N, C-alpha and C. Protein backbone atom coordinates (compact mmCIF):
# COMPACT_ATOMS: atom_id res chain seq x y z
N UNK A 1 6.17 -5.39 6.72
CA UNK A 1 6.30 -4.20 7.54
C UNK A 1 6.91 -3.04 6.75
N UNK A 2 7.90 -3.33 5.90
CA UNK A 2 8.53 -2.27 5.11
C UNK A 2 7.53 -1.62 4.15
N UNK A 3 6.55 -2.38 3.70
CA UNK A 3 5.51 -1.81 2.85
C UNK A 3 4.62 -0.86 3.67
N UNK A 4 4.24 -1.28 4.85
CA UNK A 4 3.33 -0.48 5.67
C UNK A 4 3.94 0.85 6.11
N UNK A 5 5.24 0.88 6.36
CA UNK A 5 5.87 2.14 6.76
C UNK A 5 6.31 2.96 5.54
N UNK A 6 6.05 2.45 4.33
CA UNK A 6 6.29 3.20 3.11
C UNK A 6 7.65 2.99 2.47
N UNK A 7 8.56 2.30 3.12
CA UNK A 7 9.93 2.19 2.62
C UNK A 7 10.00 1.51 1.25
N UNK A 8 9.39 0.35 1.12
CA UNK A 8 9.51 -0.39 -0.14
C UNK A 8 8.81 0.33 -1.29
N UNK A 9 7.70 0.98 -1.01
CA UNK A 9 6.98 1.70 -2.07
C UNK A 9 7.76 2.92 -2.53
N UNK A 10 8.36 3.65 -1.59
CA UNK A 10 9.18 4.80 -1.96
C UNK A 10 10.36 4.34 -2.81
N UNK A 11 10.99 3.27 -2.40
CA UNK A 11 12.12 2.73 -3.15
C UNK A 11 11.68 2.31 -4.56
N UNK A 12 10.52 1.69 -4.68
CA UNK A 12 10.00 1.28 -5.99
C UNK A 12 9.76 2.50 -6.88
N UNK A 13 9.09 3.52 -6.33
CA UNK A 13 8.79 4.72 -7.12
C UNK A 13 10.06 5.40 -7.61
N UNK A 14 11.06 5.51 -6.76
CA UNK A 14 12.33 6.13 -7.15
C UNK A 14 13.01 5.31 -8.24
N UNK A 15 13.02 3.99 -8.08
CA UNK A 15 13.69 3.11 -9.04
C UNK A 15 13.02 3.14 -10.41
N UNK A 16 11.73 3.46 -10.45
CA UNK A 16 11.00 3.46 -11.72
C UNK A 16 10.72 4.88 -12.22
N UNK A 17 11.47 5.85 -11.73
CA UNK A 17 11.38 7.21 -12.25
C UNK A 17 10.11 7.95 -11.88
N UNK A 18 9.44 7.57 -10.80
CA UNK A 18 8.22 8.24 -10.37
C UNK A 18 8.50 9.08 -9.12
N UNK A 19 9.37 10.07 -9.30
CA UNK A 19 9.82 10.86 -8.17
C UNK A 19 8.68 11.61 -7.49
N UNK A 20 7.73 12.13 -8.25
CA UNK A 20 6.62 12.88 -7.64
C UNK A 20 5.79 11.97 -6.73
N UNK A 21 5.57 10.72 -7.14
CA UNK A 21 4.84 9.78 -6.29
C UNK A 21 5.65 9.43 -5.04
N UNK A 22 6.97 9.25 -5.23
CA UNK A 22 7.83 8.96 -4.09
C UNK A 22 7.83 10.12 -3.10
N UNK A 23 7.89 11.35 -3.61
CA UNK A 23 7.87 12.53 -2.74
C UNK A 23 6.54 12.65 -2.00
N UNK A 24 5.44 12.35 -2.68
CA UNK A 24 4.12 12.42 -2.06
C UNK A 24 4.01 11.41 -0.93
N UNK A 25 4.45 10.19 -1.18
CA UNK A 25 4.39 9.15 -0.16
C UNK A 25 5.34 9.46 0.99
N UNK A 26 6.53 9.94 0.67
CA UNK A 26 7.50 10.28 1.71
C UNK A 26 6.98 11.40 2.61
N UNK A 27 6.27 12.34 2.04
CA UNK A 27 5.66 13.40 2.84
C UNK A 27 4.65 12.83 3.83
N UNK A 28 3.83 11.89 3.38
CA UNK A 28 2.87 11.25 4.26
C UNK A 28 3.53 10.44 5.37
N UNK A 29 4.61 9.74 5.02
CA UNK A 29 5.34 8.95 6.01
C UNK A 29 5.94 9.87 7.09
N UNK A 30 6.54 10.97 6.65
CA UNK A 30 7.11 11.92 7.61
C UNK A 30 6.04 12.48 8.53
N UNK A 31 4.88 12.81 7.95
CA UNK A 31 3.77 13.34 8.75
C UNK A 31 3.32 12.32 9.79
N UNK A 32 3.22 11.06 9.39
CA UNK A 32 2.80 10.00 10.32
C UNK A 32 3.75 9.93 11.52
N UNK A 33 5.05 9.92 11.26
CA UNK A 33 6.01 9.79 12.37
C UNK A 33 6.12 11.06 13.19
N UNK A 34 5.96 12.22 12.57
CA UNK A 34 5.96 13.47 13.35
C UNK A 34 4.77 13.49 14.30
N UNK A 35 3.60 13.11 13.80
CA UNK A 35 2.39 13.06 14.65
C UNK A 35 2.57 12.03 15.76
N UNK A 36 3.19 10.87 15.43
CA UNK A 36 3.42 9.85 16.45
C UNK A 36 4.29 10.38 17.58
N UNK A 37 5.38 11.06 17.24
CA UNK A 37 6.25 11.61 18.28
C UNK A 37 5.60 12.78 19.01
N UNK A 38 4.75 13.54 18.31
CA UNK A 38 4.01 14.62 18.97
C UNK A 38 3.04 14.05 20.01
N UNK A 39 2.38 12.97 19.65
CA UNK A 39 1.46 12.32 20.60
C UNK A 39 2.24 11.82 21.81
N UNK A 40 3.41 11.24 21.57
CA UNK A 40 4.25 10.79 22.68
C UNK A 40 4.67 11.96 23.56
N UNK A 41 5.03 13.08 22.95
CA UNK A 41 5.44 14.25 23.73
C UNK A 41 4.28 14.82 24.55
N UNK A 42 3.09 14.80 23.97
CA UNK A 42 1.91 15.34 24.67
C UNK A 42 1.45 14.41 25.79
N UNK A 43 1.36 13.13 25.50
CA UNK A 43 0.82 12.19 26.49
C UNK A 43 1.88 11.67 27.46
N UNK A 44 3.13 11.67 27.05
CA UNK A 44 4.24 11.12 27.84
C UNK A 44 3.95 9.68 28.25
N UNK A 45 3.27 8.98 27.35
CA UNK A 45 2.88 7.61 27.64
C UNK A 45 3.26 6.69 26.47
N UNK A 46 4.40 6.00 26.58
CA UNK A 46 4.77 5.06 25.52
C UNK A 46 3.72 3.97 25.33
N UNK A 47 3.05 3.59 26.41
CA UNK A 47 2.00 2.58 26.31
C UNK A 47 0.84 3.07 25.45
N UNK A 48 0.43 4.31 25.66
CA UNK A 48 -0.65 4.90 24.86
C UNK A 48 -0.25 4.94 23.39
N UNK A 49 0.95 5.40 23.09
CA UNK A 49 1.42 5.48 21.70
C UNK A 49 1.46 4.09 21.09
N UNK A 50 1.92 3.11 21.85
CA UNK A 50 1.97 1.75 21.31
C UNK A 50 0.57 1.26 20.95
N UNK A 51 -0.38 1.33 21.89
CA UNK A 51 -1.70 0.75 21.67
C UNK A 51 -2.57 1.54 20.70
N UNK A 52 -2.36 2.85 20.60
CA UNK A 52 -3.22 3.66 19.75
C UNK A 52 -2.61 3.91 18.36
N UNK A 53 -1.28 3.93 18.28
CA UNK A 53 -0.64 4.26 17.01
C UNK A 53 0.12 3.07 16.42
N UNK A 54 1.01 2.47 17.18
CA UNK A 54 1.89 1.45 16.62
C UNK A 54 1.25 0.07 16.50
N UNK A 55 0.46 -0.32 17.49
CA UNK A 55 -0.19 -1.64 17.44
C UNK A 55 -1.13 -1.77 16.24
N UNK A 56 -1.93 -0.74 15.90
CA UNK A 56 -2.73 -0.85 14.67
C UNK A 56 -1.87 -0.98 13.41
N UNK A 57 -0.71 -0.31 13.39
CA UNK A 57 0.21 -0.44 12.26
C UNK A 57 0.68 -1.89 12.13
N UNK A 58 1.03 -2.50 13.23
CA UNK A 58 1.48 -3.89 13.20
C UNK A 58 0.35 -4.83 12.80
N UNK A 59 -0.84 -4.58 13.30
CA UNK A 59 -1.99 -5.42 12.94
C UNK A 59 -2.33 -5.29 11.45
N UNK A 60 -2.29 -4.07 10.92
CA UNK A 60 -2.57 -3.89 9.51
C UNK A 60 -1.49 -4.53 8.65
N UNK A 61 -0.25 -4.55 9.13
CA UNK A 61 0.82 -5.22 8.41
C UNK A 61 0.49 -6.70 8.26
N UNK A 62 0.08 -7.32 9.34
CA UNK A 62 -0.29 -8.74 9.32
C UNK A 62 -1.52 -8.96 8.41
N UNK A 63 -2.52 -8.10 8.55
CA UNK A 63 -3.75 -8.21 7.79
C UNK A 63 -3.47 -8.11 6.28
N UNK A 64 -2.68 -7.11 5.87
CA UNK A 64 -2.37 -6.96 4.45
C UNK A 64 -1.52 -8.11 3.92
N UNK A 65 -0.62 -8.63 4.75
CA UNK A 65 0.16 -9.78 4.32
C UNK A 65 -0.75 -10.98 4.07
N UNK A 66 -1.72 -11.19 4.94
CA UNK A 66 -2.66 -12.28 4.78
C UNK A 66 -3.51 -12.10 3.52
N UNK A 67 -3.97 -10.88 3.27
CA UNK A 67 -4.77 -10.60 2.07
C UNK A 67 -3.94 -10.81 0.81
N UNK A 68 -2.68 -10.36 0.84
CA UNK A 68 -1.82 -10.54 -0.33
C UNK A 68 -1.58 -12.01 -0.64
N UNK A 69 -1.50 -12.83 0.39
CA UNK A 69 -1.39 -14.27 0.15
C UNK A 69 -2.65 -14.77 -0.56
N UNK A 70 -3.79 -14.28 -0.14
CA UNK A 70 -5.05 -14.66 -0.78
C UNK A 70 -5.14 -14.19 -2.22
N UNK A 71 -4.70 -12.97 -2.49
CA UNK A 71 -4.78 -12.42 -3.84
C UNK A 71 -3.69 -12.96 -4.76
N UNK A 72 -2.52 -13.26 -4.22
CA UNK A 72 -1.38 -13.61 -5.06
C UNK A 72 -0.74 -14.94 -4.70
N UNK A 73 -1.44 -15.77 -3.96
CA UNK A 73 -0.87 -17.03 -3.53
C UNK A 73 -0.67 -18.03 -4.65
N UNK A 74 -1.32 -17.79 -5.78
CA UNK A 74 -1.23 -18.73 -6.88
C UNK A 74 -0.76 -18.03 -8.15
N UNK A 75 0.36 -17.34 -8.05
CA UNK A 75 0.94 -16.64 -9.20
C UNK A 75 1.30 -17.66 -10.27
N UNK A 76 0.94 -17.33 -11.49
CA UNK A 76 1.21 -18.24 -12.61
C UNK A 76 2.17 -17.61 -13.59
N UNK A 77 2.86 -18.47 -14.32
CA UNK A 77 3.80 -18.04 -15.34
C UNK A 77 3.34 -18.54 -16.69
N UNK A 78 3.68 -17.79 -17.75
CA UNK A 78 3.36 -18.26 -19.10
C UNK A 78 4.41 -19.27 -19.56
N UNK A 79 4.31 -19.71 -20.79
CA UNK A 79 5.22 -20.74 -21.30
C UNK A 79 6.68 -20.27 -21.35
N UNK A 80 6.90 -18.95 -21.42
CA UNK A 80 8.25 -18.41 -21.46
C UNK A 80 8.83 -18.14 -20.07
N UNK A 81 8.06 -18.45 -19.03
CA UNK A 81 8.53 -18.24 -17.66
C UNK A 81 8.32 -16.84 -17.13
N UNK A 82 7.52 -16.03 -17.83
CA UNK A 82 7.23 -14.67 -17.38
C UNK A 82 5.92 -14.66 -16.60
N UNK A 83 5.82 -13.71 -15.66
CA UNK A 83 4.58 -13.58 -14.90
C UNK A 83 3.43 -13.22 -15.83
N UNK A 84 2.26 -13.75 -15.53
CA UNK A 84 1.05 -13.36 -16.25
C UNK A 84 0.59 -12.04 -15.65
N UNK A 85 0.50 -10.99 -16.48
CA UNK A 85 0.26 -9.63 -15.99
C UNK A 85 -0.99 -9.48 -15.14
N UNK A 86 -2.07 -10.16 -15.50
CA UNK A 86 -3.31 -9.95 -14.77
C UNK A 86 -3.28 -10.53 -13.35
N UNK A 87 -2.28 -11.30 -13.03
CA UNK A 87 -2.17 -11.85 -11.69
C UNK A 87 -1.35 -10.93 -10.79
N UNK A 88 -0.38 -10.24 -11.35
CA UNK A 88 0.46 -9.34 -10.57
C UNK A 88 -0.17 -7.96 -10.51
N UNK A 89 0.22 -7.18 -9.52
CA UNK A 89 -0.29 -5.82 -9.42
C UNK A 89 0.73 -4.96 -8.69
N UNK A 90 0.55 -3.67 -8.79
CA UNK A 90 1.37 -2.72 -8.06
C UNK A 90 0.45 -1.79 -7.30
N UNK A 91 1.03 -1.03 -6.37
CA UNK A 91 0.24 -0.06 -5.63
C UNK A 91 -0.18 1.07 -6.56
N UNK A 92 -1.42 1.53 -6.44
CA UNK A 92 -1.91 2.63 -7.26
C UNK A 92 -2.10 3.83 -6.33
N UNK A 93 -1.39 4.91 -6.61
CA UNK A 93 -1.51 6.13 -5.81
C UNK A 93 -2.29 7.15 -6.63
N UNK A 94 -3.35 7.72 -6.05
CA UNK A 94 -4.22 8.68 -6.72
C UNK A 94 -4.87 8.08 -7.97
N UNK A 95 -5.29 6.84 -7.89
CA UNK A 95 -5.95 6.20 -9.02
C UNK A 95 -7.31 6.82 -9.30
N UNK A 96 -7.74 6.73 -10.55
CA UNK A 96 -9.02 7.32 -10.93
C UNK A 96 -10.21 6.49 -10.49
N UNK A 97 -10.01 5.22 -10.18
CA UNK A 97 -11.11 4.36 -9.75
C UNK A 97 -11.06 4.10 -8.25
N UNK A 98 -10.57 5.06 -7.50
CA UNK A 98 -10.38 4.93 -6.07
C UNK A 98 -11.72 5.14 -5.36
N UNK A 99 -12.37 4.04 -4.95
CA UNK A 99 -13.72 4.14 -4.39
C UNK A 99 -13.74 4.27 -2.88
N UNK A 100 -12.89 3.56 -2.17
CA UNK A 100 -12.93 3.53 -0.71
C UNK A 100 -11.58 3.88 -0.10
N UNK A 101 -10.78 4.71 -0.78
CA UNK A 101 -9.48 5.04 -0.27
C UNK A 101 -8.42 4.04 -0.71
N UNK A 102 -8.82 3.03 -1.42
CA UNK A 102 -7.89 2.07 -2.02
C UNK A 102 -8.53 1.57 -3.30
N UNK A 103 -7.74 1.36 -4.31
CA UNK A 103 -8.30 0.91 -5.58
C UNK A 103 -8.76 -0.54 -5.47
N UNK A 104 -9.83 -0.83 -6.19
CA UNK A 104 -10.39 -2.18 -6.15
C UNK A 104 -9.39 -3.16 -6.74
N UNK A 105 -8.87 -4.05 -5.94
CA UNK A 105 -7.75 -4.89 -6.32
C UNK A 105 -8.09 -5.86 -7.45
N UNK A 106 -9.11 -6.64 -7.28
CA UNK A 106 -9.41 -7.66 -8.28
C UNK A 106 -9.88 -7.03 -9.59
N UNK A 107 -10.62 -5.95 -9.54
CA UNK A 107 -11.12 -5.31 -10.74
C UNK A 107 -9.99 -4.78 -11.60
N UNK A 108 -8.99 -4.19 -10.97
CA UNK A 108 -7.94 -3.61 -11.80
C UNK A 108 -7.05 -4.68 -12.44
N UNK A 109 -7.14 -5.92 -11.98
CA UNK A 109 -6.41 -6.99 -12.65
C UNK A 109 -7.03 -7.32 -14.00
N UNK A 110 -8.33 -7.30 -14.08
CA UNK A 110 -9.02 -7.76 -15.28
C UNK A 110 -9.52 -6.65 -16.19
N UNK A 111 -9.72 -5.45 -15.65
CA UNK A 111 -10.26 -4.33 -16.43
C UNK A 111 -9.41 -3.09 -16.17
N UNK A 112 -8.17 -3.13 -16.56
CA UNK A 112 -7.23 -2.08 -16.17
C UNK A 112 -7.52 -0.72 -16.79
N UNK A 113 -8.24 -0.67 -17.90
CA UNK A 113 -8.49 0.61 -18.55
C UNK A 113 -9.93 1.06 -18.42
N UNK A 114 -10.75 0.37 -17.63
CA UNK A 114 -12.16 0.69 -17.52
C UNK A 114 -12.43 1.47 -16.24
N UNK A 115 -13.14 2.59 -16.36
CA UNK A 115 -13.52 3.40 -15.21
C UNK A 115 -14.45 2.57 -14.32
N UNK A 116 -14.32 2.67 -12.98
CA UNK A 116 -15.04 1.77 -12.08
C UNK A 116 -16.55 1.86 -12.25
N UNK A 117 -17.10 3.00 -12.64
CA UNK A 117 -18.55 3.11 -12.82
C UNK A 117 -19.02 2.41 -14.10
N UNK A 118 -18.09 2.12 -15.00
CA UNK A 118 -18.43 1.43 -16.25
C UNK A 118 -18.23 -0.07 -16.18
N UNK A 119 -17.79 -0.58 -15.03
CA UNK A 119 -17.59 -2.03 -14.89
C UNK A 119 -18.93 -2.75 -14.85
N UNK A 120 -18.98 -3.96 -15.40
CA UNK A 120 -20.26 -4.73 -15.38
C UNK A 120 -20.62 -5.15 -13.97
């Protein structure tokens, strides 16, 4: 849930010196919650806000958690006990190979420097 509302990603960006990315994400998070409260003020219906705005957020949280288990359920370590880089990943904001609003997850594990149109 903390990932879906942007908290953990903002914290990661700040901790790794990517303030511009953190600011960009924080701006989007603020916009989301301002629009949510504006919808509540206009409709005066907590039920409407729950089913149209918050329930999809909760469902996507569950969906992404399930997908992450599928993508990273078998994390492996090398002989020194370090993560194998091609198995781990981070969120990519404004990536150059962004085809559908999200970067292709499996492709960027194996071909991190290849433009998506040049992939086999």
